[in-house]
Amino acid sequence: MPVLIRSAGRVLGPLVFALPALLVACTSEQPSPPPPTDPGPVEVDATRDELAALAAAAQDRHLVAQYVFSRADQPDRTIVFTSANDGSWRVDVPGGALGGTADVSLAATADGLFQCALPSAGRPEPARCVRLGERDDALPRRLDPRIQHPLTDWLDVLTDRRAPLAVAPAETPKGLTGTCYSVDSTSASLNAPLDVGIYCYDRDGTPTGVRTATGTLKLAAPPGPAPATVQLAGPVVDEEPLDTAAPPTPDPSSSPSAGTP
């Protein structure tokens, strides 16, 4: 019902109660509540921590393991990886040099970093090794088959929280096992710290599989016990190491017999 307001004997007029309207107006002027906190960064950090922990466990794993390396349009190869109790390591790579025609072994010991040429169908001579530098030196690109990195030095990158990486959980690719993570580089540099791809590990840190542009590496069987130290495949000699690229095809016209009737 309207209410008359009187002041000094005069009627000022009816006043309609507008309290509900005022409350609505006041409520509409209140700032919107803040959106819920985005858990994305927290989850990303947790995933990065999980992978770093597994990579650290892999660094502490000493074993002998066989991996199958597969790549499109190439036959599968069996890679033997040895991580010895003294921290030395060795990776035997069939077809790791001379365009896939020569087998090699890469090894890092207290005496340095070595490449050993292994007996193979194309090179039946006995194994011999060449010292490439100190054990932590980077392998020159022309000598690098790239298969060994996920088992050796890329573990250092995965454990380094300062490395420019983006890490996310990933579904386990067909044929692989373990807990898998998608790893990408956030660096604008052309020299990424590692190959982007899928990295998989067992609970104890054993690398169970890696899929990158280089190919797919998967654990072929349960690992065996590690030796006290790795042994080089042969004696150390003063020779040139084997390049990964195939040697140039000889030009028949340049042979001494060319043009001889």
C-alpha atoms as a PDB file:
ATOM      1  CA  MET A   1       0.000   0.000   0.000  1.00  0.00           C
ATOM      2  CA  PRO A   2       1.413   3.528  -0.789  1.00  0.00           C
ATOM      3  CA  VAL A   3       2.702   5.477   2.185  1.00  0.00           C
ATOM      4  CA  LEU A   4       2.340   9.261   2.468  1.00  0.00           C
ATOM      5  CA  ILE A   5       5.319  11.140   3.802  1.00  0.00           C
ATOM      6  CA  ARG A   6       4.455  14.347   5.677  1.00  0.00           C
ATOM      7  CA  SER A   7       6.941  17.100   6.438  1.00  0.00           C
ATOM      8  CA  ALA A   8       5.996  20.354   8.140  1.00  0.00           C
ATOM      9  CA  GLY A   9       2.350  19.670   7.480  1.00  0.00           C
ATOM     10  CA  ARG A  10       2.864  19.146   3.803  1.00  0.00           C
ATOM     11  CA  VAL A  11       2.299  15.921   1.905  1.00  0.00           C
ATOM     12  CA  LEU A  12       5.393  15.124  -0.145  1.00  0.00           C
ATOM     13  CA  GLY A  13       3.767  12.333  -2.083  1.00  0.00           C
ATOM     14  CA  PRO A  14       3.540   8.564  -2.126  1.00  0.00           C
ATOM     15  CA  LEU A  15       6.634   6.468  -1.816  1.00  0.00           C
ATOM     16  CA  VAL A  16       6.554   2.936  -3.142  1.00  0.00           C
ATOM     17  CA  PHE A  17       8.755   0.525  -1.326  1.00  0.00           C
ATOM     18  CA  ALA A  18      11.589  -0.345  -3.739  1.00  0.00           C
ATOM     19  CA  LEU A  19      13.802  -2.342  -1.406  1.00  0.00           C
ATOM     20  CA  PRO A  20      13.793  -5.540  -3.543  1.00  0.00           C
ATOM     21  CA  ALA A  21      14.732  -3.535  -6.647  1.00  0.00           C
ATOM     22  CA  LEU A  22      17.501  -1.776  -4.762  1.00  0.00           C
ATOM     23  CA  LEU A  23      18.868  -5.110  -3.544  1.00  0.00           C
ATOM     24  CA  VAL A  24      18.841  -6.463  -7.084  1.00  0.00           C
ATOM     25  CA  ALA A  25      20.666  -3.390  -8.356  1.00  0.00           C
ATOM     26  CA  CYS A  26      23.277  -3.630  -5.613  1.00  0.00           C
ATOM     27  CA  THR A  27      23.768  -7.318  -6.281  1.00  0.00           C
ATOM     28  CA  SER A  28      24.257  -6.753 -10.018  1.00  0.00           C
ATOM     29  CA  GLU A  29      26.949  -4.172  -9.293  1.00  0.00           C
ATOM     30  CA  GLN A  30      29.036  -6.609  -7.245  1.00  0.00           C
ATOM     31  CA  PRO A  31      32.201  -7.845  -9.046  1.00  0.00           C
ATOM     32  CA  SER A  32      32.015 -11.331 -10.540  1.00  0.00           C
ATOM     33  CA  PRO A  33      33.645 -14.029  -8.447  1.00  0.00           C
ATOM     34  CA  PRO A  34      37.160 -14.932  -9.659  1.00  0.00           C
ATOM     35  CA  PRO A  35      37.335 -17.949 -11.951  1.00  0.00           C
ATOM     36  CA  PRO A  36      38.528 -21.194 -10.397  1.00  0.00           C
ATOM     37  CA  THR A  37      42.278 -21.632 -10.273  1.00  0.00           C
ATOM     38  CA  ASP A  38      43.590 -23.341 -13.403  1.00  0.00           C
ATOM     39  CA  PRO A  39      45.317 -26.558 -12.275  1.00  0.00           C
ATOM     40  CA  GLY A  40      47.160 -26.802 -15.598  1.00  0.00           C
ATOM     41  CA  PRO A  41      50.564 -25.477 -14.477  1.00  0.00           C
ATOM     42  CA  VAL A  42      50.470 -27.616 -11.345  1.00  0.00           C
ATOM     43  CA  GLU A  43      49.711 -30.727 -13.374  1.00  0.00           C
ATOM     44  CA  VAL A  44      52.440 -29.862 -15.879  1.00  0.00           C
ATOM     45  CA  ASP A  45      54.974 -29.440 -13.078  1.00  0.00           C
ATOM     46  CA  ALA A  46      53.900 -32.734 -11.532  1.00  0.00           C
ATOM     47  CA  THR A  47      54.279 -34.545 -14.855  1.00  0.00           C
ATOM     48  CA  ARG A  48      57.716 -33.014 -15.383  1.00  0.00           C
ATOM     49  CA  ASP A  49      58.705 -34.101 -11.869  1.00  0.00           C
ATOM     50  CA  GLU A  50      57.496 -37.666 -12.536  1.00  0.00           C
ATOM     51  CA  LEU A  51      59.574 -37.943 -15.697  1.00  0.00           C
ATOM     52  CA  ALA A  52      62.616 -36.395 -14.033  1.00  0.00           C
ATOM     53  CA  ALA A  53      62.350 -38.925 -11.200  1.00  0.00           C
ATOM     54  CA  LEU A  54      62.124 -41.862 -13.616  1.00  0.00           C
ATOM     55  CA  ALA A  55      65.071 -40.552 -15.653  1.00  0.00           C
ATOM     56  CA  ALA A  56      67.098 -40.207 -12.442  1.00  0.00           C
ATOM     57  CA  ALA A  57      66.212 -43.804 -11.552  1.00  0.00           C
ATOM     58  CA  ALA A  58      67.313 -44.842 -15.058  1.00  0.00           C
ATOM     59  CA  GLN A  59      70.687 -43.210 -14.437  1.00  0.00           C
ATOM     60  CA  ASP A  60      71.056 -45.352 -11.333  1.00  0.00           C
ATOM     61  CA  ARG A  61      69.980 -48.565 -13.103  1.00  0.00           C
ATOM     62  CA  HIS A  62      72.909 -50.867 -13.889  1.00  0.00           C
ATOM     63  CA  LEU A  63      71.959 -53.654 -16.287  1.00  0.00           C
ATOM     64  CA  VAL A  64      72.468 -55.411 -19.570  1.00  0.00           C
ATOM     65  CA  ALA A  65      69.459 -54.992 -21.844  1.00  0.00           C
ATOM     66  CA  GLN A  66      68.509 -55.799 -25.414  1.00  0.00           C
ATOM     67  CA  TYR A  67      66.414 -53.366 -27.416  1.00  0.00           C
ATOM     68  CA  VAL A  68      64.904 -53.699 -30.860  1.00  0.00           C
ATOM     69  CA  PHE A  69      65.382 -50.633 -33.016  1.00  0.00           C
ATOM     70  CA  SER A  70      62.926 -50.245 -35.884  1.00  0.00           C
ATOM     71  CA  ARG A  71      62.670 -47.666 -38.605  1.00  0.00           C
ATOM     72  CA  ALA A  72      60.479 -47.409 -41.669  1.00  0.00           C
ATOM     73  CA  ASP A  73      61.816 -49.215 -44.732  1.00  0.00           C
ATOM     74  CA  GLN A  74      64.696 -50.770 -42.770  1.00  0.00           C
ATOM     75  CA  PRO A  75      65.067 -54.174 -41.120  1.00  0.00           C
ATOM     76  CA  ASP A  76      64.867 -54.295 -37.332  1.00  0.00           C
ATOM     77  CA  ARG A  77      68.156 -54.253 -35.439  1.00  0.00           C
ATOM     78  CA  THR A  78      68.962 -55.585 -31.964  1.00  0.00           C
ATOM     79  CA  ILE A  79      70.797 -53.043 -29.804  1.00  0.00           C
ATOM     80  CA  VAL A  80      72.687 -54.255 -26.729  1.00  0.00           C
ATOM     81  CA  PHE A  81      73.043 -51.705 -23.930  1.00  0.00           C
ATOM     82  CA  THR A  82      75.313 -52.240 -20.918  1.00  0.00           C
ATOM     83  CA  SER A  83      75.322 -49.915 -17.918  1.00  0.00           C
ATOM     84  CA  ALA A  84      78.040 -51.170 -15.571  1.00  0.00           C
ATOM     85  CA  ASN A  85      78.228 -50.780 -11.819  1.00  0.00           C
ATOM     86  CA  ASP A  86      81.137 -48.329 -12.054  1.00  0.00           C
ATOM     87  CA  GLY A  87      79.138 -45.940 -14.273  1.00  0.00           C
ATOM     88  CA  SER A  88      80.742 -46.955 -17.567  1.00  0.00           C
ATOM     89  CA  TRP A  89      78.446 -47.846 -20.454  1.00  0.00           C
ATOM     90  CA  ARG A  90      78.518 -49.493 -23.867  1.00  0.00           C
ATOM     91  CA  VAL A  91      76.003 -49.636 -26.723  1.00  0.00           C
ATOM     92  CA  ASP A  92      76.459 -52.085 -29.608  1.00  0.00           C
ATOM     93  CA  VAL A  93      74.765 -50.785 -32.760  1.00  0.00           C
ATOM     94  CA  PRO A  94      74.467 -53.114 -35.773  1.00  0.00           C
ATOM     95  CA  GLY A  95      74.592 -51.087 -38.970  1.00  0.00           C
ATOM     96  CA  GLY A  96      75.626 -47.992 -37.030  1.00  0.00           C
ATOM     97  CA  ALA A  97      78.241 -46.804 -39.536  1.00  0.00           C
ATOM     98  CA  LEU A  98      79.061 -46.572 -43.237  1.00  0.00           C
ATOM     99  CA  GLY A  99      75.469 -46.228 -44.304  1.00  0.00           C
ATOM    100  CA  GLY A 100      74.365 -49.293 -42.351  1.00  0.00           C
ATOM    101  CA  THR A 101      77.036 -51.618 -43.723  1.00  0.00           C
ATOM    102  CA  ALA A 102      79.283 -51.639 -40.643  1.00  0.00           C
ATOM    103  CA  ASP A 103      78.550 -52.573 -37.020  1.00  0.00           C
ATOM    104  CA  VAL A 104      79.956 -50.375 -34.267  1.00  0.00           C
ATOM    105  CA  SER A 105      80.090 -50.177 -30.509  1.00  0.00           C
ATOM    106  CA  LEU A 106      80.128 -46.924 -28.537  1.00  0.00           C
ATOM    107  CA  ALA A 107      81.578 -46.974 -25.034  1.00  0.00           C
ATOM    108  CA  ALA A 108      82.319 -44.486 -22.266  1.00  0.00           C
ATOM    109  CA  THR A 109      84.828 -45.565 -19.611  1.00  0.00           C
ATOM    110  CA  ALA A 110      87.165 -43.879 -17.186  1.00  0.00           C
ATOM    111  CA  ASP A 111      89.673 -43.722 -20.063  1.00  0.00           C
ATOM    112  CA  GLY A 112      87.411 -41.805 -22.427  1.00  0.00           C
ATOM    113  CA  LEU A 113      84.810 -42.120 -25.161  1.00  0.00           C
ATOM    114  CA  PHE A 114      85.411 -44.795 -27.794  1.00  0.00           C
ATOM    115  CA  GLN A 115      84.021 -46.056 -31.064  1.00  0.00           C
ATOM    116  CA  CYS A 116      84.800 -49.694 -31.862  1.00  0.00           C
ATOM    117  CA  ALA A 117      84.376 -51.240 -35.299  1.00  0.00           C
ATOM    118  CA  LEU A 118      82.859 -54.699 -34.900  1.00  0.00           C
ATOM    119  CA  PRO A 119      83.245 -57.653 -37.271  1.00  0.00           C
ATOM    120  CA  SER A 120      80.389 -57.703 -39.762  1.00  0.00           C
ATOM    121  CA  ALA A 121      79.562 -59.097 -43.177  1.00  0.00           C
ATOM    122  CA  GLY A 122      81.008 -56.039 -44.890  1.00  0.00           C
ATOM    123  CA  ARG A 123      84.024 -55.759 -42.548  1.00  0.00           C
ATOM    124  CA  PRO A 124      85.151 -59.212 -41.376  1.00  0.00           C
ATOM    125  CA  GLU A 125      88.388 -57.980 -39.784  1.00  0.00           C
ATOM    126  CA  PRO A 126      88.751 -58.200 -35.964  1.00  0.00           C
ATOM    127  CA  ALA A 127      87.275 -55.518 -33.744  1.00  0.00           C
ATOM    128  CA  ARG A 128      89.361 -52.447 -32.982  1.00  0.00           C
ATOM    129  CA  CYS A 129      88.603 -49.219 -31.157  1.00  0.00           C
ATOM    130  CA  VAL A 130      89.381 -45.526 -31.602  1.00  0.00           C
ATOM    131  CA  ARG A 131      89.415 -43.020 -28.773  1.00  0.00           C
ATOM    132  CA  LEU A 132      87.156 -40.052 -29.584  1.00  0.00           C
ATOM    133  CA  GLY A 133      87.802 -37.888 -26.535  1.00  0.00           C
ATOM    134  CA  GLU A 134      86.887 -37.609 -22.873  1.00  0.00           C
ATOM    135  CA  ARG A 135      83.992 -39.750 -21.648  1.00  0.00           C
ATOM    136  CA  ASP A 136      81.598 -36.788 -21.377  1.00  0.00           C
ATOM    137  CA  ASP A 137      82.508 -35.229 -24.731  1.00  0.00           C
ATOM    138  CA  ALA A 138      79.761 -34.825 -27.313  1.00  0.00           C
ATOM    139  CA  LEU A 139      79.907 -37.279 -30.159  1.00  0.00           C
ATOM    140  CA  PRO A 140      80.596 -35.545 -33.499  1.00  0.00           C
ATOM    141  CA  ARG A 141      77.500 -35.572 -35.691  1.00  0.00           C
ATOM    142  CA  ARG A 142      79.248 -37.435 -38.507  1.00  0.00           C
ATOM    143  CA  LEU A 143      79.930 -40.330 -36.096  1.00  0.00           C
ATOM    144  CA  ASP A 144      76.599 -40.276 -34.262  1.00  0.00           C
ATOM    145  CA  PRO A 145      74.031 -43.053 -34.967  1.00  0.00           C
ATOM    146  CA  ARG A 146      71.730 -41.292 -32.402  1.00  0.00           C
ATOM    147  CA  ILE A 147      70.332 -44.586 -31.155  1.00  0.00           C
ATOM    148  CA  GLN A 148      72.281 -44.527 -27.884  1.00  0.00           C
ATOM    149  CA  HIS A 149      71.218 -41.094 -26.604  1.00  0.00           C
ATOM    150  CA  PRO A 150      67.914 -42.049 -24.869  1.00  0.00           C
ATOM    151  CA  LEU A 151      69.882 -44.584 -22.817  1.00  0.00           C
ATOM    152  CA  THR A 152      72.836 -42.339 -21.992  1.00  0.00           C
ATOM    153  CA  ASP A 153      73.236 -38.549 -22.126  1.00  0.00           C
ATOM    154  CA  TRP A 154      69.603 -37.575 -22.775  1.00  0.00           C
ATOM    155  CA  LEU A 155      68.824 -38.820 -19.271  1.00  0.00           C
ATOM    156  CA  ASP A 156      70.798 -35.795 -18.043  1.00  0.00           C
ATOM    157  CA  VAL A 157      68.488 -33.521 -20.045  1.00  0.00           C
ATOM    158  CA  LEU A 158      65.334 -35.170 -18.711  1.00  0.00           C
ATOM    159  CA  THR A 159      66.475 -34.731 -15.107  1.00  0.00           C
ATOM    160  CA  ASP A 160      67.432 -31.063 -15.604  1.00  0.00           C
ATOM    161  CA  ARG A 161      64.478 -28.849 -14.671  1.00  0.00           C
ATOM    162  CA  ARG A 162      66.174 -25.924 -16.441  1.00  0.00           C
ATOM    163  CA  ALA A 163      66.164 -27.717 -19.790  1.00  0.00           C
ATOM    164  CA  PRO A 164      63.699 -26.130 -22.272  1.00  0.00           C
ATOM    165  CA  LEU A 165      61.239 -29.017 -22.370  1.00  0.00           C
ATOM    166  CA  ALA A 166      57.474 -29.389 -22.398  1.00  0.00           C
ATOM    167  CA  VAL A 167      56.328 -32.672 -20.836  1.00  0.00           C
ATOM    168  CA  ALA A 168      52.851 -34.216 -20.864  1.00  0.00           C
ATOM    169  CA  PRO A 169      51.413 -37.680 -20.141  1.00  0.00           C
ATOM    170  CA  ALA A 170      51.112 -39.836 -23.257  1.00  0.00           C
ATOM    171  CA  GLU A 171      49.325 -43.013 -24.206  1.00  0.00           C
ATOM    172  CA  THR A 172      51.641 -45.986 -24.532  1.00  0.00           C
ATOM    173  CA  PRO A 173      52.348 -46.495 -28.251  1.00  0.00           C
ATOM    174  CA  LYS A 174      51.491 -49.870 -29.722  1.00  0.00           C
ATOM    175  CA  GLY A 175      54.294 -52.335 -29.104  1.00  0.00           C
ATOM    176  CA  LEU A 176      55.800 -50.423 -26.176  1.00  0.00           C
ATOM    177  CA  THR A 177      55.278 -50.838 -22.439  1.00  0.00           C
ATOM    178  CA  GLY A 178      55.633 -48.726 -19.315  1.00  0.00           C
ATOM    179  CA  THR A 179      54.560 -45.228 -18.314  1.00  0.00           C
ATOM    180  CA  CYS A 180      54.995 -42.863 -21.247  1.00  0.00           C
ATOM    181  CA  TYR A 181      55.486 -39.128 -21.629  1.00  0.00           C
ATOM    182  CA  SER A 182      55.360 -36.794 -24.583  1.00  0.00           C
ATOM    183  CA  VAL A 183      58.501 -34.634 -24.609  1.00  0.00           C
ATOM    184  CA  ASP A 184      58.850 -31.547 -26.770  1.00  0.00           C
ATOM    185  CA  SER A 185      61.425 -28.766 -26.898  1.00  0.00           C
ATOM    186  CA  THR A 186      60.455 -25.191 -26.070  1.00  0.00           C
ATOM    187  CA  SER A 187      63.741 -23.804 -27.354  1.00  0.00           C
ATOM    188  CA  ALA A 188      63.792 -21.631 -30.459  1.00  0.00           C
ATOM    189  CA  SER A 189      67.272 -22.914 -31.230  1.00  0.00           C
ATOM    190  CA  LEU A 190      67.746 -25.426 -34.015  1.00  0.00           C
ATOM    191  CA  ASN A 191      69.924 -27.480 -31.667  1.00  0.00           C
ATOM    192  CA  ALA A 192      67.270 -29.023 -29.431  1.00  0.00           C
ATOM    193  CA  PRO A 193      68.651 -30.709 -26.287  1.00  0.00           C
ATOM    194  CA  LEU A 194      67.082 -34.014 -27.365  1.00  0.00           C
ATOM    195  CA  ASP A 195      64.801 -35.479 -30.010  1.00  0.00           C
ATOM    196  CA  VAL A 196      61.130 -34.782 -29.374  1.00  0.00           C
ATOM    197  CA  GLY A 197      58.956 -37.862 -29.057  1.00  0.00           C
ATOM    198  CA  ILE A 198      57.515 -40.391 -26.628  1.00  0.00           C
ATOM    199  CA  TYR A 199      59.667 -41.675 -23.754  1.00  0.00           C
ATOM    200  CA  CYS A 200      58.544 -44.702 -21.687  1.00  0.00           C
ATOM    201  CA  TYR A 201      59.876 -46.164 -18.421  1.00  0.00           C
ATOM    202  CA  ASP A 202      59.185 -49.007 -16.041  1.00  0.00           C
ATOM    203  CA  ARG A 203      58.536 -48.214 -12.378  1.00  0.00           C
ATOM    204  CA  ASP A 204      62.152 -48.954 -11.463  1.00  0.00           C
ATOM    205  CA  GLY A 205      63.462 -46.533 -14.069  1.00  0.00           C
ATOM    206  CA  THR A 206      64.276 -49.053 -16.788  1.00  0.00           C
ATOM    207  CA  PRO A 207      63.810 -47.372 -20.184  1.00  0.00           C
ATOM    208  CA  THR A 208      61.200 -49.528 -21.911  1.00  0.00           C
ATOM    209  CA  GLY A 209      60.760 -47.627 -25.152  1.00  0.00           C
ATOM    210  CA  VAL A 210      61.393 -44.438 -27.090  1.00  0.00           C
ATOM    211  CA  ARG A 211      59.714 -43.223 -30.256  1.00  0.00           C
ATOM    212  CA  THR A 212      61.289 -40.278 -32.109  1.00  0.00           C
ATOM    213  CA  ALA A 213      61.874 -39.221 -35.696  1.00  0.00           C
ATOM    214  CA  THR A 214      65.020 -41.370 -35.636  1.00  0.00           C
ATOM    215  CA  GLY A 215      62.971 -44.536 -35.058  1.00  0.00           C
ATOM    216  CA  THR A 216      61.483 -46.678 -32.303  1.00  0.00           C
ATOM    217  CA  LEU A 217      63.543 -48.346 -29.592  1.00  0.00           C
ATOM    218  CA  LYS A 218      61.748 -50.933 -27.462  1.00  0.00           C
ATOM    219  CA  LEU A 219      62.899 -53.249 -24.696  1.00  0.00           C
ATOM    220  CA  ALA A 220      63.065 -56.781 -26.082  1.00  0.00           C
ATOM    221  CA  ALA A 221      63.403 -58.817 -22.856  1.00  0.00           C
ATOM    222  CA  PRO A 222      63.821 -58.368 -19.103  1.00  0.00           C
ATOM    223  CA  PRO A 223      67.248 -56.848 -18.369  1.00  0.00           C
ATOM    224  CA  GLY A 224      70.082 -58.927 -16.922  1.00  0.00           C
ATOM    225  CA  PRO A 225      72.564 -58.102 -14.153  1.00  0.00           C
ATOM    226  CA  ALA A 226      75.281 -55.553 -14.816  1.00  0.00           C
ATOM    227  CA  PRO A 227      79.017 -56.267 -14.917  1.00  0.00           C
ATOM    228  CA  ALA A 228      81.453 -54.408 -12.695  1.00  0.00           C
ATOM    229  CA  THR A 229      82.708 -52.429 -15.708  1.00  0.00           C
ATOM    230  CA  VAL A 230      82.356 -52.520 -19.478  1.00  0.00           C
ATOM    231  CA  GLN A 231      85.038 -53.973 -21.706  1.00  0.00           C
ATOM    232  CA  LEU A 232      85.963 -52.446 -25.040  1.00  0.00           C
ATOM    233  CA  ALA A 233      85.255 -54.704 -28.010  1.00  0.00           C
ATOM    234  CA  GLY A 234      88.886 -54.676 -29.116  1.00  0.00           C
ATOM    235  CA  PRO A 235      92.276 -53.004 -28.744  1.00  0.00           C
ATOM    236  CA  VAL A 236      92.637 -49.224 -29.097  1.00  0.00           C
ATOM    237  CA  VAL A 237      94.357 -48.238 -32.339  1.00  0.00           C
ATOM    238  CA  ASP A 238      95.424 -44.983 -33.956  1.00  0.00           C
ATOM    239  CA  GLU A 239      92.990 -44.897 -36.868  1.00  0.00           C
ATOM    240  CA  GLU A 240      90.146 -42.767 -38.150  1.00  0.00           C
ATOM    241  CA  PRO A 241      86.700 -43.671 -36.745  1.00  0.00           C
ATOM    242  CA  LEU A 242      83.923 -44.827 -39.047  1.00  0.00           C
ATOM    243  CA  ASP A 243      81.424 -42.242 -40.267  1.00  0.00           C
ATOM    244  CA  THR A 244      77.726 -42.974 -40.227  1.00  0.00           C
ATOM    245  CA  ALA A 245      77.369 -41.965 -43.882  1.00  0.00           C
ATOM    246  CA  ALA A 246      77.994 -44.460 -46.619  1.00  0.00           C
ATOM    247  CA  PRO A 247      81.328 -44.071 -48.376  1.00  0.00           C
ATOM    248  CA  PRO A 248      81.173 -42.477 -51.821  1.00  0.00           C
ATOM    249  CA  THR A 249      80.742 -44.821 -54.732  1.00  0.00           C
ATOM    250  CA  PRO A 250      84.016 -45.116 -56.648  1.00  0.00           C
ATOM    251  CA  ASP A 251      83.979 -43.498 -60.065  1.00  0.00           C
ATOM    252  CA  PRO A 252      84.839 -46.192 -62.649  1.00  0.00           C
ATOM    253  CA  SER A 253      86.361 -43.576 -64.932  1.00  0.00           C
ATOM    254  CA  SER A 254      88.954 -42.705 -62.294  1.00  0.00           C
ATOM    255  CA  SER A 255      90.250 -46.256 -61.841  1.00  0.00           C
ATOM    256  CA  PRO A 256      93.762 -47.012 -63.193  1.00  0.00           C
ATOM    257  CA  SER A 257      92.351 -49.566 -65.614  1.00  0.00           C
ATOM    258  CA  ALA A 258      89.796 -47.188 -67.080  1.00  0.00           C
ATOM    259  CA  GLY A 259      90.263 -46.924 -70.813  1.00  0.00           C
ATOM    260  CA  THR A 260      92.639 -49.890 -70.956  1.00  0.00           C
ATOM    261  CA  PRO A 261      91.785 -52.153 -73.904  1.00  0.00           C
END
